[in-house]
Amino acid sequence: MDEAHTIYTAGISKHNKPAHRPAYGYFDTIRLLFPRSTTVIALSATLPKHILKTVQRKLSLSPDHLFIHLSSNRPNVMYATQPIIGSLRDFANLSFLIPKNFHPPMRIPPTLVFHDNKVNASDAAIYIDNLLPPGLRGTGLSQHYHSAMSTEYLDRVYCEFTGPDPSGIIHTTPSMQSVSSYHCCHLLSS
């Protein structure tokens, strides 16, 4: 199972809210349909201890299962954490993404900003776009990307962001992982 963390993040109700994808939470039931000797592989880059425990339980992994932990660090990737002041809807917290006095030929490094929902992703993209100099607004330096977008839009944004000369900021939801996997396969098969 790829993206095994979705068992916890989407398949289980939390904080008095129903599960986003309840079927993901039923893997323990599905697992009962297979012989105990069936090999199960769970893959994820997002398995903090509390999520890992749930995944292990829901996939009915034996206590002696093999756990391979590899770093997701890559020389071309940098992780950053920025404290949020006030609400997640206060997009001024994201102003650091556009350097003061930004102008060409300055470039914005390819940046992904994950949001909890589609509305925040779209609104944040608009907010950041409005921080750009007037001549650069609406040029695609700040875009939103989520599962409700058209295939054509997603293909274009994905290709621009992963192309030979990437630049800009994509505001997305966690669903980008599955959407981008689809687009990668779709583009390769086209």
N, C-alpha and C. Protein backbone atom coordinates (compact mmCIF):
# COMPACT_ATOMS: atom_id res chain seq x y z
N MET A 1 0.85 -1.17 0.00
CA MET A 1 0.00 0.00 0.00
C MET A 1 0.89 1.23 0.00
N ASP A 2 0.73 2.08 -1.00
CA ASP A 2 1.49 3.32 -1.05
C ASP A 2 0.72 4.39 -0.28
N GLU A 3 1.43 5.36 0.25
CA GLU A 3 0.84 6.44 1.06
C GLU A 3 0.06 5.85 2.24
N ALA A 4 0.69 4.91 2.93
CA ALA A 4 0.03 4.19 4.03
C ALA A 4 -0.43 5.12 5.15
N HIS A 5 0.17 6.28 5.27
CA HIS A 5 -0.24 7.22 6.33
C HIS A 5 -1.70 7.65 6.17
N THR A 6 -2.27 7.51 4.96
CA THR A 6 -3.67 7.92 4.76
C THR A 6 -4.64 7.05 5.56
N ILE A 7 -4.18 5.88 6.00
CA ILE A 7 -5.02 5.07 6.90
C ILE A 7 -5.37 5.92 8.12
N TYR A 8 -4.37 6.63 8.65
CA TYR A 8 -4.59 7.50 9.82
C TYR A 8 -5.16 8.86 9.42
N THR A 9 -4.55 9.51 8.43
CA THR A 9 -4.91 10.90 8.13
C THR A 9 -6.27 11.04 7.47
N ALA A 10 -6.72 10.03 6.71
CA ALA A 10 -8.00 10.15 6.01
C ALA A 10 -9.01 9.07 6.42
N GLY A 11 -8.54 7.97 7.00
CA GLY A 11 -9.43 6.85 7.24
C GLY A 11 -10.02 6.74 8.63
N ILE A 12 -9.65 7.63 9.51
CA ILE A 12 -10.09 7.54 10.90
C ILE A 12 -10.67 8.89 11.33
N SER A 13 -11.81 8.85 12.02
CA SER A 13 -12.38 10.10 12.52
C SER A 13 -11.51 10.63 13.65
N LYS A 14 -11.33 11.95 13.65
CA LYS A 14 -10.50 12.60 14.67
C LYS A 14 -11.13 13.94 15.04
N HIS A 15 -10.99 14.32 16.28
CA HIS A 15 -11.44 15.63 16.76
C HIS A 15 -12.92 15.86 16.45
N ASN A 16 -13.73 14.84 16.65
CA ASN A 16 -15.17 14.90 16.42
C ASN A 16 -15.54 15.18 14.97
N LYS A 17 -14.63 14.91 14.04
CA LYS A 17 -14.93 15.06 12.62
C LYS A 17 -14.87 13.68 11.98
N PRO A 18 -15.80 13.40 11.06
CA PRO A 18 -15.78 12.08 10.42
C PRO A 18 -14.55 11.92 9.53
N ALA A 19 -14.20 10.68 9.27
CA ALA A 19 -13.07 10.37 8.39
C ALA A 19 -13.36 10.91 6.99
N HIS A 20 -12.33 11.44 6.34
CA HIS A 20 -12.46 11.97 4.97
C HIS A 20 -12.69 10.82 3.98
N ARG A 21 -11.95 9.73 4.15
CA ARG A 21 -12.07 8.54 3.32
C ARG A 21 -12.20 7.33 4.24
N PRO A 22 -13.41 7.07 4.76
CA PRO A 22 -13.58 6.02 5.77
C PRO A 22 -13.07 4.64 5.33
N ALA A 23 -13.13 4.35 4.05
CA ALA A 23 -12.68 3.04 3.57
C ALA A 23 -11.22 2.79 3.90
N TYR A 24 -10.40 3.85 3.95
CA TYR A 24 -8.99 3.68 4.29
C TYR A 24 -8.81 3.12 5.70
N GLY A 25 -9.77 3.36 6.55
CA GLY A 25 -9.69 2.90 7.93
C GLY A 25 -10.10 1.44 8.11
N TYR A 26 -10.54 0.79 7.03
CA TYR A 26 -11.01 -0.59 7.12
C TYR A 26 -10.00 -1.62 6.64
N PHE A 27 -8.74 -1.25 6.53
CA PHE A 27 -7.76 -2.20 6.03
C PHE A 27 -7.59 -3.40 6.95
N ASP A 28 -7.84 -3.21 8.25
CA ASP A 28 -7.75 -4.36 9.15
C ASP A 28 -8.83 -5.39 8.82
N THR A 29 -10.00 -4.93 8.41
CA THR A 29 -11.07 -5.83 8.00
C THR A 29 -10.73 -6.51 6.68
N ILE A 30 -10.22 -5.75 5.73
CA ILE A 30 -9.84 -6.30 4.43
C ILE A 30 -8.72 -7.31 4.60
N ARG A 31 -7.80 -7.03 5.48
CA ARG A 31 -6.64 -7.91 5.72
C ARG A 31 -7.10 -9.29 6.16
N LEU A 32 -8.24 -9.38 6.85
CA LEU A 32 -8.75 -10.67 7.32
C LEU A 32 -9.16 -11.58 6.16
N LEU A 33 -9.39 -11.01 4.99
CA LEU A 33 -9.80 -11.81 3.83
C LEU A 33 -8.65 -12.58 3.21
N PHE A 34 -7.41 -12.25 3.58
CA PHE A 34 -6.23 -12.87 3.00
C PHE A 34 -5.57 -13.80 4.01
N PRO A 35 -4.89 -14.84 3.51
CA PRO A 35 -4.15 -15.71 4.45
C PRO A 35 -3.11 -14.92 5.23
N ARG A 36 -2.82 -15.37 6.42
CA ARG A 36 -1.83 -14.69 7.29
C ARG A 36 -0.47 -14.62 6.61
N SER A 37 -0.18 -15.54 5.70
CA SER A 37 1.11 -15.58 5.01
C SER A 37 1.21 -14.56 3.87
N THR A 38 0.15 -13.83 3.58
CA THR A 38 0.17 -12.84 2.51
C THR A 38 1.12 -11.71 2.87
N THR A 39 2.03 -11.38 1.95
CA THR A 39 2.99 -10.31 2.19
C THR A 39 2.29 -8.96 2.06
N VAL A 40 2.54 -8.10 3.03
CA VAL A 40 1.99 -6.75 3.03
C VAL A 40 3.16 -5.77 3.04
N ILE A 41 3.09 -4.80 2.15
CA ILE A 41 4.10 -3.75 2.10
C ILE A 41 3.38 -2.42 2.26
N ALA A 42 3.80 -1.64 3.21
CA ALA A 42 3.22 -0.32 3.45
C ALA A 42 4.33 0.71 3.23
N LEU A 43 4.08 1.65 2.33
CA LEU A 43 5.07 2.67 1.99
C LEU A 43 4.55 4.04 2.35
N SER A 44 5.41 4.88 2.87
CA SER A 44 5.04 6.25 3.19
C SER A 44 6.28 7.06 3.54
N ALA A 45 6.23 8.33 3.24
CA ALA A 45 7.28 9.23 3.69
C ALA A 45 6.81 10.01 4.91
N THR A 46 5.63 9.69 5.42
CA THR A 46 5.01 10.44 6.51
C THR A 46 4.53 9.48 7.58
N LEU A 47 5.44 8.98 8.39
CA LEU A 47 5.05 8.03 9.44
C LEU A 47 5.63 8.40 10.80
N PRO A 48 5.17 9.51 11.39
CA PRO A 48 5.57 9.75 12.78
C PRO A 48 5.03 8.61 13.65
N LYS A 49 5.55 8.49 14.85
CA LYS A 49 5.26 7.32 15.69
C LYS A 49 3.77 7.06 15.88
N HIS A 50 2.96 8.09 16.13
CA HIS A 50 1.54 7.86 16.38
C HIS A 50 0.82 7.34 15.12
N ILE A 51 1.25 7.79 13.95
CA ILE A 51 0.65 7.30 12.70
C ILE A 51 1.16 5.89 12.41
N LEU A 52 2.45 5.64 12.63
CA LEU A 52 3.02 4.31 12.41
C LEU A 52 2.29 3.26 13.24
N LYS A 53 2.01 3.57 14.51
CA LYS A 53 1.30 2.61 15.37
C LYS A 53 -0.06 2.25 14.78
N THR A 54 -0.78 3.24 14.29
CA THR A 54 -2.10 2.99 13.70
C THR A 54 -1.97 2.16 12.44
N VAL A 55 -1.00 2.47 11.58
CA VAL A 55 -0.80 1.72 10.34
C VAL A 55 -0.46 0.26 10.67
N GLN A 56 0.44 0.05 11.62
CA GLN A 56 0.80 -1.32 12.00
C GLN A 56 -0.41 -2.09 12.50
N ARG A 57 -1.25 -1.43 13.29
CA ARG A 57 -2.44 -2.09 13.84
C ARG A 57 -3.45 -2.36 12.73
N LYS A 58 -3.72 -1.37 11.90
CA LYS A 58 -4.74 -1.51 10.85
C LYS A 58 -4.33 -2.50 9.76
N LEU A 59 -3.04 -2.70 9.55
CA LEU A 59 -2.59 -3.67 8.55
C LEU A 59 -2.28 -5.02 9.18
N SER A 60 -2.55 -5.13 10.48
CA SER A 60 -2.33 -6.38 11.22
C SER A 60 -0.94 -6.95 10.96
N LEU A 61 0.06 -6.08 11.06
CA LEU A 61 1.44 -6.51 10.85
C LEU A 61 1.90 -7.32 12.05
N SER A 62 2.65 -8.37 11.78
CA SER A 62 3.15 -9.20 12.87
C SER A 62 4.21 -8.43 13.65
N PRO A 63 4.40 -8.76 14.91
CA PRO A 63 5.37 -8.03 15.74
C PRO A 63 6.80 -8.10 15.19
N ASP A 64 7.10 -9.14 14.42
CA ASP A 64 8.46 -9.27 13.90
C ASP A 64 8.58 -8.78 12.45
N HIS A 65 7.70 -7.87 12.05
CA HIS A 65 7.76 -7.37 10.67
C HIS A 65 9.06 -6.60 10.43
N LEU A 66 9.45 -6.53 9.17
CA LEU A 66 10.66 -5.80 8.78
C LEU A 66 10.30 -4.34 8.56
N PHE A 67 11.00 -3.45 9.22
CA PHE A 67 10.75 -2.01 9.09
C PHE A 67 12.01 -1.39 8.50
N ILE A 68 11.88 -0.79 7.34
CA ILE A 68 13.01 -0.13 6.68
C ILE A 68 12.76 1.37 6.75
N HIS A 69 13.67 2.08 7.39
CA HIS A 69 13.54 3.52 7.55
C HIS A 69 14.66 4.20 6.79
N LEU A 70 14.30 4.92 5.74
CA LEU A 70 15.28 5.66 4.95
C LEU A 70 14.96 7.14 5.02
N SER A 71 15.95 7.96 4.97
CA SER A 71 15.75 9.41 5.00
C SER A 71 15.17 9.89 3.69
N SER A 72 14.31 10.88 3.77
CA SER A 72 13.79 11.51 2.55
C SER A 72 14.64 12.71 2.16
N ASN A 73 15.74 12.93 2.86
CA ASN A 73 16.63 14.04 2.52
C ASN A 73 17.27 13.80 1.16
N ARG A 74 17.28 14.81 0.36
CA ARG A 74 17.91 14.78 -0.95
C ARG A 74 18.69 16.07 -1.10
N PRO A 75 19.77 16.06 -1.90
CA PRO A 75 20.58 17.27 -2.03
C PRO A 75 19.83 18.45 -2.66
N ASN A 76 18.76 18.17 -3.41
CA ASN A 76 18.03 19.26 -4.07
C ASN A 76 16.74 19.64 -3.34
N VAL A 77 16.56 19.14 -2.11
CA VAL A 77 15.36 19.44 -1.34
C VAL A 77 15.76 20.05 0.00
N MET A 78 15.06 21.12 0.39
CA MET A 78 15.30 21.73 1.69
C MET A 78 13.96 21.85 2.40
N TYR A 79 13.91 21.42 3.64
CA TYR A 79 12.70 21.51 4.44
C TYR A 79 12.81 22.73 5.34
N ALA A 80 11.69 23.42 5.51
CA ALA A 80 11.69 24.58 6.40
C ALA A 80 10.40 24.58 7.21
N THR A 81 10.51 25.04 8.42
CA THR A 81 9.34 25.20 9.27
C THR A 81 9.25 26.67 9.64
N GLN A 82 8.09 27.24 9.44
CA GLN A 82 7.87 28.65 9.73
C GLN A 82 6.76 28.75 10.78
N PRO A 83 7.03 29.40 11.90
CA PRO A 83 5.96 29.55 12.91
C PRO A 83 4.78 30.35 12.35
N ILE A 84 3.59 29.95 12.74
CA ILE A 84 2.37 30.64 12.33
C ILE A 84 1.90 31.50 13.49
N ILE A 85 1.63 32.75 13.20
CA ILE A 85 1.09 33.67 14.21
C ILE A 85 -0.41 33.81 13.94
N GLY A 86 -1.22 33.48 14.94
CA GLY A 86 -2.67 33.59 14.76
C GLY A 86 -3.23 32.41 13.98
N SER A 87 -4.08 32.71 13.03
CA SER A 87 -4.81 31.70 12.28
C SER A 87 -4.07 31.22 11.04
N LEU A 88 -4.33 29.99 10.62
CA LEU A 88 -3.79 29.49 9.36
C LEU A 88 -4.36 30.27 8.18
N ARG A 89 -5.49 30.93 8.38
CA ARG A 89 -6.09 31.75 7.32
C ARG A 89 -5.44 33.13 7.23
N ASP A 90 -4.55 33.46 8.13
CA ASP A 90 -3.83 34.72 8.05
C ASP A 90 -2.62 34.51 7.15
N PHE A 91 -2.82 34.75 5.85
CA PHE A 91 -1.80 34.43 4.87
C PHE A 91 -0.60 35.38 4.92
N ALA A 92 -0.67 36.40 5.76
CA ALA A 92 0.51 37.25 5.97
C ALA A 92 1.65 36.41 6.53
N ASN A 93 1.32 35.29 7.18
CA ASN A 93 2.35 34.37 7.67
C ASN A 93 3.20 33.81 6.54
N LEU A 94 2.70 33.87 5.32
CA LEU A 94 3.42 33.33 4.16
C LEU A 94 4.19 34.41 3.39
N SER A 95 4.15 35.62 3.84
CA SER A 95 4.80 36.73 3.13
C SER A 95 6.30 36.51 2.94
N PHE A 96 6.90 35.72 3.81
CA PHE A 96 8.34 35.47 3.69
C PHE A 96 8.70 34.76 2.38
N LEU A 97 7.71 34.18 1.71
CA LEU A 97 7.97 33.45 0.46
C LEU A 97 8.40 34.36 -0.68
N ILE A 98 8.00 35.61 -0.60
CA ILE A 98 8.38 36.58 -1.64
C ILE A 98 9.42 37.52 -1.02
N PRO A 99 10.65 37.50 -1.54
CA PRO A 99 11.69 38.36 -0.96
C PRO A 99 11.30 39.84 -1.06
N LYS A 100 11.74 40.61 -0.09
CA LYS A 100 11.52 42.07 -0.14
C LYS A 100 12.16 42.60 -1.42
N ASN A 101 11.52 43.54 -2.05
CA ASN A 101 12.02 44.15 -3.30
C ASN A 101 12.26 43.12 -4.40
N PHE A 102 11.41 42.10 -4.47
CA PHE A 102 11.54 41.07 -5.49
C PHE A 102 11.38 41.68 -6.88
N HIS A 103 12.29 41.35 -7.77
CA HIS A 103 12.22 41.83 -9.16
C HIS A 103 13.02 40.89 -10.06
N PRO A 104 12.70 40.83 -11.35
CA PRO A 104 13.53 40.05 -12.27
C PRO A 104 14.91 40.68 -12.33
N PRO A 105 15.95 39.93 -12.47
CA PRO A 105 16.02 38.51 -12.79
C PRO A 105 16.00 37.60 -11.56
N MET A 106 15.61 38.14 -10.39
CA MET A 106 15.51 37.29 -9.20
C MET A 106 14.54 36.14 -9.50
N ARG A 107 14.76 35.00 -8.84
CA ARG A 107 13.91 33.84 -9.05
C ARG A 107 13.37 33.35 -7.71
N ILE A 108 12.21 32.78 -7.77
CA ILE A 108 11.63 32.14 -6.59
C ILE A 108 11.93 30.65 -6.73
N PRO A 109 12.63 30.06 -5.76
CA PRO A 109 12.92 28.63 -5.88
C PRO A 109 11.62 27.83 -5.89
N PRO A 110 11.60 26.68 -6.57
CA PRO A 110 10.38 25.86 -6.57
C PRO A 110 9.98 25.54 -5.13
N THR A 111 8.77 25.90 -4.77
CA THR A 111 8.32 25.80 -3.39
C THR A 111 6.93 25.19 -3.34
N LEU A 112 6.73 24.20 -2.48
CA LEU A 112 5.41 23.62 -2.22
C LEU A 112 4.96 24.06 -0.84
N VAL A 113 3.73 24.57 -0.76
CA VAL A 113 3.13 24.92 0.52
C VAL A 113 1.87 24.09 0.65
N PHE A 114 1.84 23.23 1.69
CA PHE A 114 0.68 22.38 1.89
C PHE A 114 -0.32 23.07 2.81
N HIS A 115 -1.59 23.01 2.41
CA HIS A 115 -2.69 23.60 3.17
C HIS A 115 -3.67 22.50 3.55
N ASP A 116 -4.47 22.76 4.58
CA ASP A 116 -5.41 21.76 5.06
C ASP A 116 -6.60 21.55 4.14
N ASN A 117 -6.91 22.55 3.31
CA ASN A 117 -8.06 22.39 2.42
C ASN A 117 -7.88 23.20 1.14
N LYS A 118 -8.75 22.93 0.18
CA LYS A 118 -8.66 23.54 -1.15
C LYS A 118 -8.87 25.05 -1.10
N VAL A 119 -9.79 25.50 -0.26
CA VAL A 119 -10.08 26.94 -0.17
C VAL A 119 -8.84 27.69 0.30
N ASN A 120 -8.19 27.19 1.35
CA ASN A 120 -6.97 27.85 1.84
C ASN A 120 -5.88 27.84 0.78
N ALA A 121 -5.73 26.73 0.06
CA ALA A 121 -4.71 26.66 -0.99
C ALA A 121 -4.97 27.72 -2.06
N SER A 122 -6.21 27.83 -2.50
CA SER A 122 -6.56 28.82 -3.53
C SER A 122 -6.39 30.25 -3.02
N ASP A 123 -6.89 30.51 -1.82
CA ASP A 123 -6.80 31.87 -1.25
C ASP A 123 -5.35 32.27 -1.00
N ALA A 124 -4.53 31.34 -0.53
CA ALA A 124 -3.12 31.65 -0.28
C ALA A 124 -2.39 31.96 -1.58
N ALA A 125 -2.70 31.21 -2.64
CA ALA A 125 -2.07 31.47 -3.94
C ALA A 125 -2.40 32.88 -4.43
N ILE A 126 -3.64 33.29 -4.25
CA ILE A 126 -4.05 34.64 -4.66
C ILE A 126 -3.33 35.68 -3.80
N TYR A 127 -3.27 35.45 -2.49
CA TYR A 127 -2.60 36.38 -1.59
C TYR A 127 -1.14 36.57 -2.00
N ILE A 128 -0.43 35.47 -2.22
CA ILE A 128 0.99 35.55 -2.58
C ILE A 128 1.14 36.19 -3.95
N ASP A 129 0.27 35.87 -4.87
CA ASP A 129 0.33 36.49 -6.21
C ASP A 129 0.23 38.01 -6.10
N ASN A 130 -0.62 38.49 -5.20
CA ASN A 130 -0.79 39.93 -5.02
C ASN A 130 0.40 40.60 -4.35
N LEU A 131 1.32 39.82 -3.76
CA LEU A 131 2.54 40.39 -3.18
C LEU A 131 3.61 40.64 -4.26
N LEU A 132 3.44 40.03 -5.42
CA LEU A 132 4.41 40.19 -6.50
C LEU A 132 4.31 41.58 -7.12
N PRO A 133 5.37 42.05 -7.74
CA PRO A 133 5.28 43.32 -8.47
C PRO A 133 4.16 43.22 -9.51
N PRO A 134 3.47 44.31 -9.80
CA PRO A 134 2.32 44.26 -10.71
C PRO A 134 2.58 43.53 -12.03
N GLY A 135 3.74 43.69 -12.62
CA GLY A 135 4.03 43.05 -13.90
C GLY A 135 4.19 41.54 -13.82
N LEU A 136 4.34 41.00 -12.60
CA LEU A 136 4.54 39.55 -12.44
C LEU A 136 3.29 38.85 -11.91
N ARG A 137 2.26 39.63 -11.57
CA ARG A 137 1.03 39.02 -11.07
C ARG A 137 0.32 38.28 -12.20
N GLY A 138 -0.23 37.15 -11.86
CA GLY A 138 -0.97 36.36 -12.84
C GLY A 138 -0.09 35.62 -13.84
N THR A 139 1.21 35.55 -13.57
CA THR A 139 2.13 34.89 -14.50
C THR A 139 2.41 33.44 -14.12
N GLY A 140 1.81 32.97 -13.04
CA GLY A 140 2.01 31.58 -12.64
C GLY A 140 3.09 31.38 -11.60
N LEU A 141 3.63 32.46 -11.04
CA LEU A 141 4.63 32.30 -9.99
C LEU A 141 4.01 31.79 -8.68
N SER A 142 2.72 32.00 -8.49
CA SER A 142 2.00 31.49 -7.34
C SER A 142 0.70 30.87 -7.84
N GLN A 143 0.59 29.54 -7.69
CA GLN A 143 -0.58 28.84 -8.21
C GLN A 143 -1.13 27.87 -7.18
N HIS A 144 -2.39 27.53 -7.32
CA HIS A 144 -2.98 26.50 -6.47
C HIS A 144 -3.11 25.22 -7.28
N TYR A 145 -3.13 24.11 -6.56
CA TYR A 145 -3.10 22.79 -7.21
C TYR A 145 -3.81 21.80 -6.29
N HIS A 146 -4.96 21.32 -6.72
CA HIS A 146 -5.67 20.33 -5.91
C HIS A 146 -6.60 19.51 -6.79
N SER A 147 -7.20 18.51 -6.22
CA SER A 147 -7.96 17.52 -6.97
C SER A 147 -9.21 18.06 -7.65
N ALA A 148 -9.66 19.25 -7.31
CA ALA A 148 -10.86 19.79 -7.95
C ALA A 148 -10.54 20.56 -9.24
N MET A 149 -9.28 20.64 -9.59
CA MET A 149 -8.87 21.39 -10.78
C MET A 149 -9.02 20.51 -12.02
N SER A 150 -9.12 21.14 -13.19
CA SER A 150 -9.23 20.38 -14.43
C SER A 150 -7.94 19.64 -14.73
N THR A 151 -8.06 18.57 -15.47
CA THR A 151 -6.88 17.80 -15.85
C THR A 151 -5.90 18.66 -16.63
N GLU A 152 -6.41 19.50 -17.51
CA GLU A 152 -5.54 20.36 -18.31
C GLU A 152 -4.74 21.32 -17.42
N TYR A 153 -5.42 21.92 -16.46
CA TYR A 153 -4.75 22.84 -15.54
C TYR A 153 -3.68 22.10 -14.74
N LEU A 154 -4.05 20.95 -14.16
CA LEU A 154 -3.11 20.19 -13.35
C LEU A 154 -1.90 19.75 -14.17
N ASP A 155 -2.14 19.30 -15.39
CA ASP A 155 -1.03 18.91 -16.27
C ASP A 155 -0.08 20.08 -16.52
N ARG A 156 -0.66 21.24 -16.84
CA ARG A 156 0.16 22.41 -17.14
C ARG A 156 0.99 22.84 -15.93
N VAL A 157 0.35 22.97 -14.78
CA VAL A 157 1.04 23.41 -13.57
C VAL A 157 2.12 22.40 -13.17
N TYR A 158 1.79 21.12 -13.24
CA TYR A 158 2.75 20.09 -12.87
C TYR A 158 3.96 20.12 -13.80
N CYS A 159 3.72 20.24 -15.10
CA CYS A 159 4.83 20.27 -16.06
C CYS A 159 5.71 21.50 -15.86
N GLU A 160 5.09 22.65 -15.61
CA GLU A 160 5.87 23.87 -15.37
C GLU A 160 6.72 23.72 -14.11
N PHE A 161 6.14 23.14 -13.07
CA PHE A 161 6.83 23.04 -11.79
C PHE A 161 7.94 22.00 -11.80
N THR A 162 7.78 20.97 -12.60
CA THR A 162 8.78 19.90 -12.65
C THR A 162 9.64 19.96 -13.90
N GLY A 163 9.46 20.99 -14.70
CA GLY A 163 10.19 21.12 -15.96
C GLY A 163 11.66 21.46 -15.76
N PRO A 164 12.35 21.72 -16.87
CA PRO A 164 13.80 21.95 -16.80
C PRO A 164 14.19 23.25 -16.09
N ASP A 165 13.29 24.23 -16.03
CA ASP A 165 13.62 25.51 -15.41
C ASP A 165 12.52 25.90 -14.41
N PRO A 166 12.34 25.09 -13.35
CA PRO A 166 11.22 25.35 -12.44
C PRO A 166 11.43 26.59 -11.59
N SER A 167 10.33 27.25 -11.30
CA SER A 167 10.34 28.44 -10.45
C SER A 167 8.92 28.63 -9.95
N GLY A 168 8.77 29.23 -8.79
CA GLY A 168 7.45 29.58 -8.30
C GLY A 168 6.99 28.77 -7.11
N ILE A 169 5.75 29.05 -6.72
CA ILE A 169 5.17 28.48 -5.51
C ILE A 169 3.87 27.80 -5.87
N ILE A 170 3.72 26.56 -5.44
CA ILE A 170 2.45 25.86 -5.60
C ILE A 170 1.85 25.69 -4.22
N HIS A 171 0.61 26.15 -4.09
CA HIS A 171 -0.17 25.97 -2.86
C HIS A 171 -1.07 24.78 -3.11
N THR A 172 -0.93 23.77 -2.28
CA THR A 172 -1.64 22.52 -2.55
C THR A 172 -2.19 21.93 -1.27
N THR A 173 -2.89 20.83 -1.43
CA THR A 173 -3.40 20.05 -0.30
C THR A 173 -2.63 18.73 -0.29
N PRO A 174 -2.75 17.96 0.78
CA PRO A 174 -2.04 16.67 0.79
C PRO A 174 -2.42 15.77 -0.37
N SER A 175 -3.57 16.03 -1.01
CA SER A 175 -3.98 15.19 -2.14
C SER A 175 -3.06 15.38 -3.34
N MET A 176 -2.18 16.39 -3.31
CA MET A 176 -1.27 16.58 -4.44
C MET A 176 -0.43 15.34 -4.67
N GLN A 177 -0.12 14.61 -3.61
CA GLN A 177 0.72 13.42 -3.76
C GLN A 177 0.06 12.44 -4.71
N SER A 178 -1.23 12.17 -4.53
CA SER A 178 -1.89 11.21 -5.42
C SER A 178 -2.19 11.83 -6.77
N VAL A 179 -2.54 13.13 -6.80
CA VAL A 179 -2.81 13.79 -8.07
C VAL A 179 -1.55 13.85 -8.91
N SER A 180 -0.42 14.21 -8.31
CA SER A 180 0.82 14.32 -9.08
C SER A 180 1.28 12.95 -9.55
N SER A 181 1.03 11.89 -8.78
CA SER A 181 1.39 10.56 -9.23
C SER A 181 0.59 10.21 -10.47
N TYR A 182 -0.69 10.57 -10.46
CA TYR A 182 -1.53 10.33 -11.63
C TYR A 182 -0.98 11.08 -12.84
N HIS A 183 -0.64 12.35 -12.62
CA HIS A 183 -0.17 13.16 -13.74
C HIS A 183 1.17 12.68 -14.27
N CYS A 184 2.01 12.23 -13.37
CA CYS A 184 3.30 11.69 -13.82
C CYS A 184 3.04 10.49 -14.74
N CYS A 185 2.17 9.58 -14.30
CA CYS A 185 1.85 8.41 -15.12
C CYS A 185 1.14 8.82 -16.39
N HIS A 186 0.20 9.75 -16.27
CA HIS A 186 -0.56 10.22 -17.42
C HIS A 186 0.37 10.84 -18.46
N LEU A 187 1.29 11.66 -17.99
CA LEU A 187 2.20 12.32 -18.92
C LEU A 187 3.15 11.32 -19.57
N LEU A 188 3.57 10.32 -18.80
CA LEU A 188 4.49 9.32 -19.36
C LEU A 188 3.78 8.45 -20.39
N SER A 189 2.47 8.23 -20.21
CA SER A 189 1.77 7.37 -21.15
C SER A 189 1.24 8.12 -22.35
N SER A 190 1.27 9.45 -22.31
CA SER A 190 0.74 10.25 -23.43
C SER A 190 1.67 10.23 -24.61
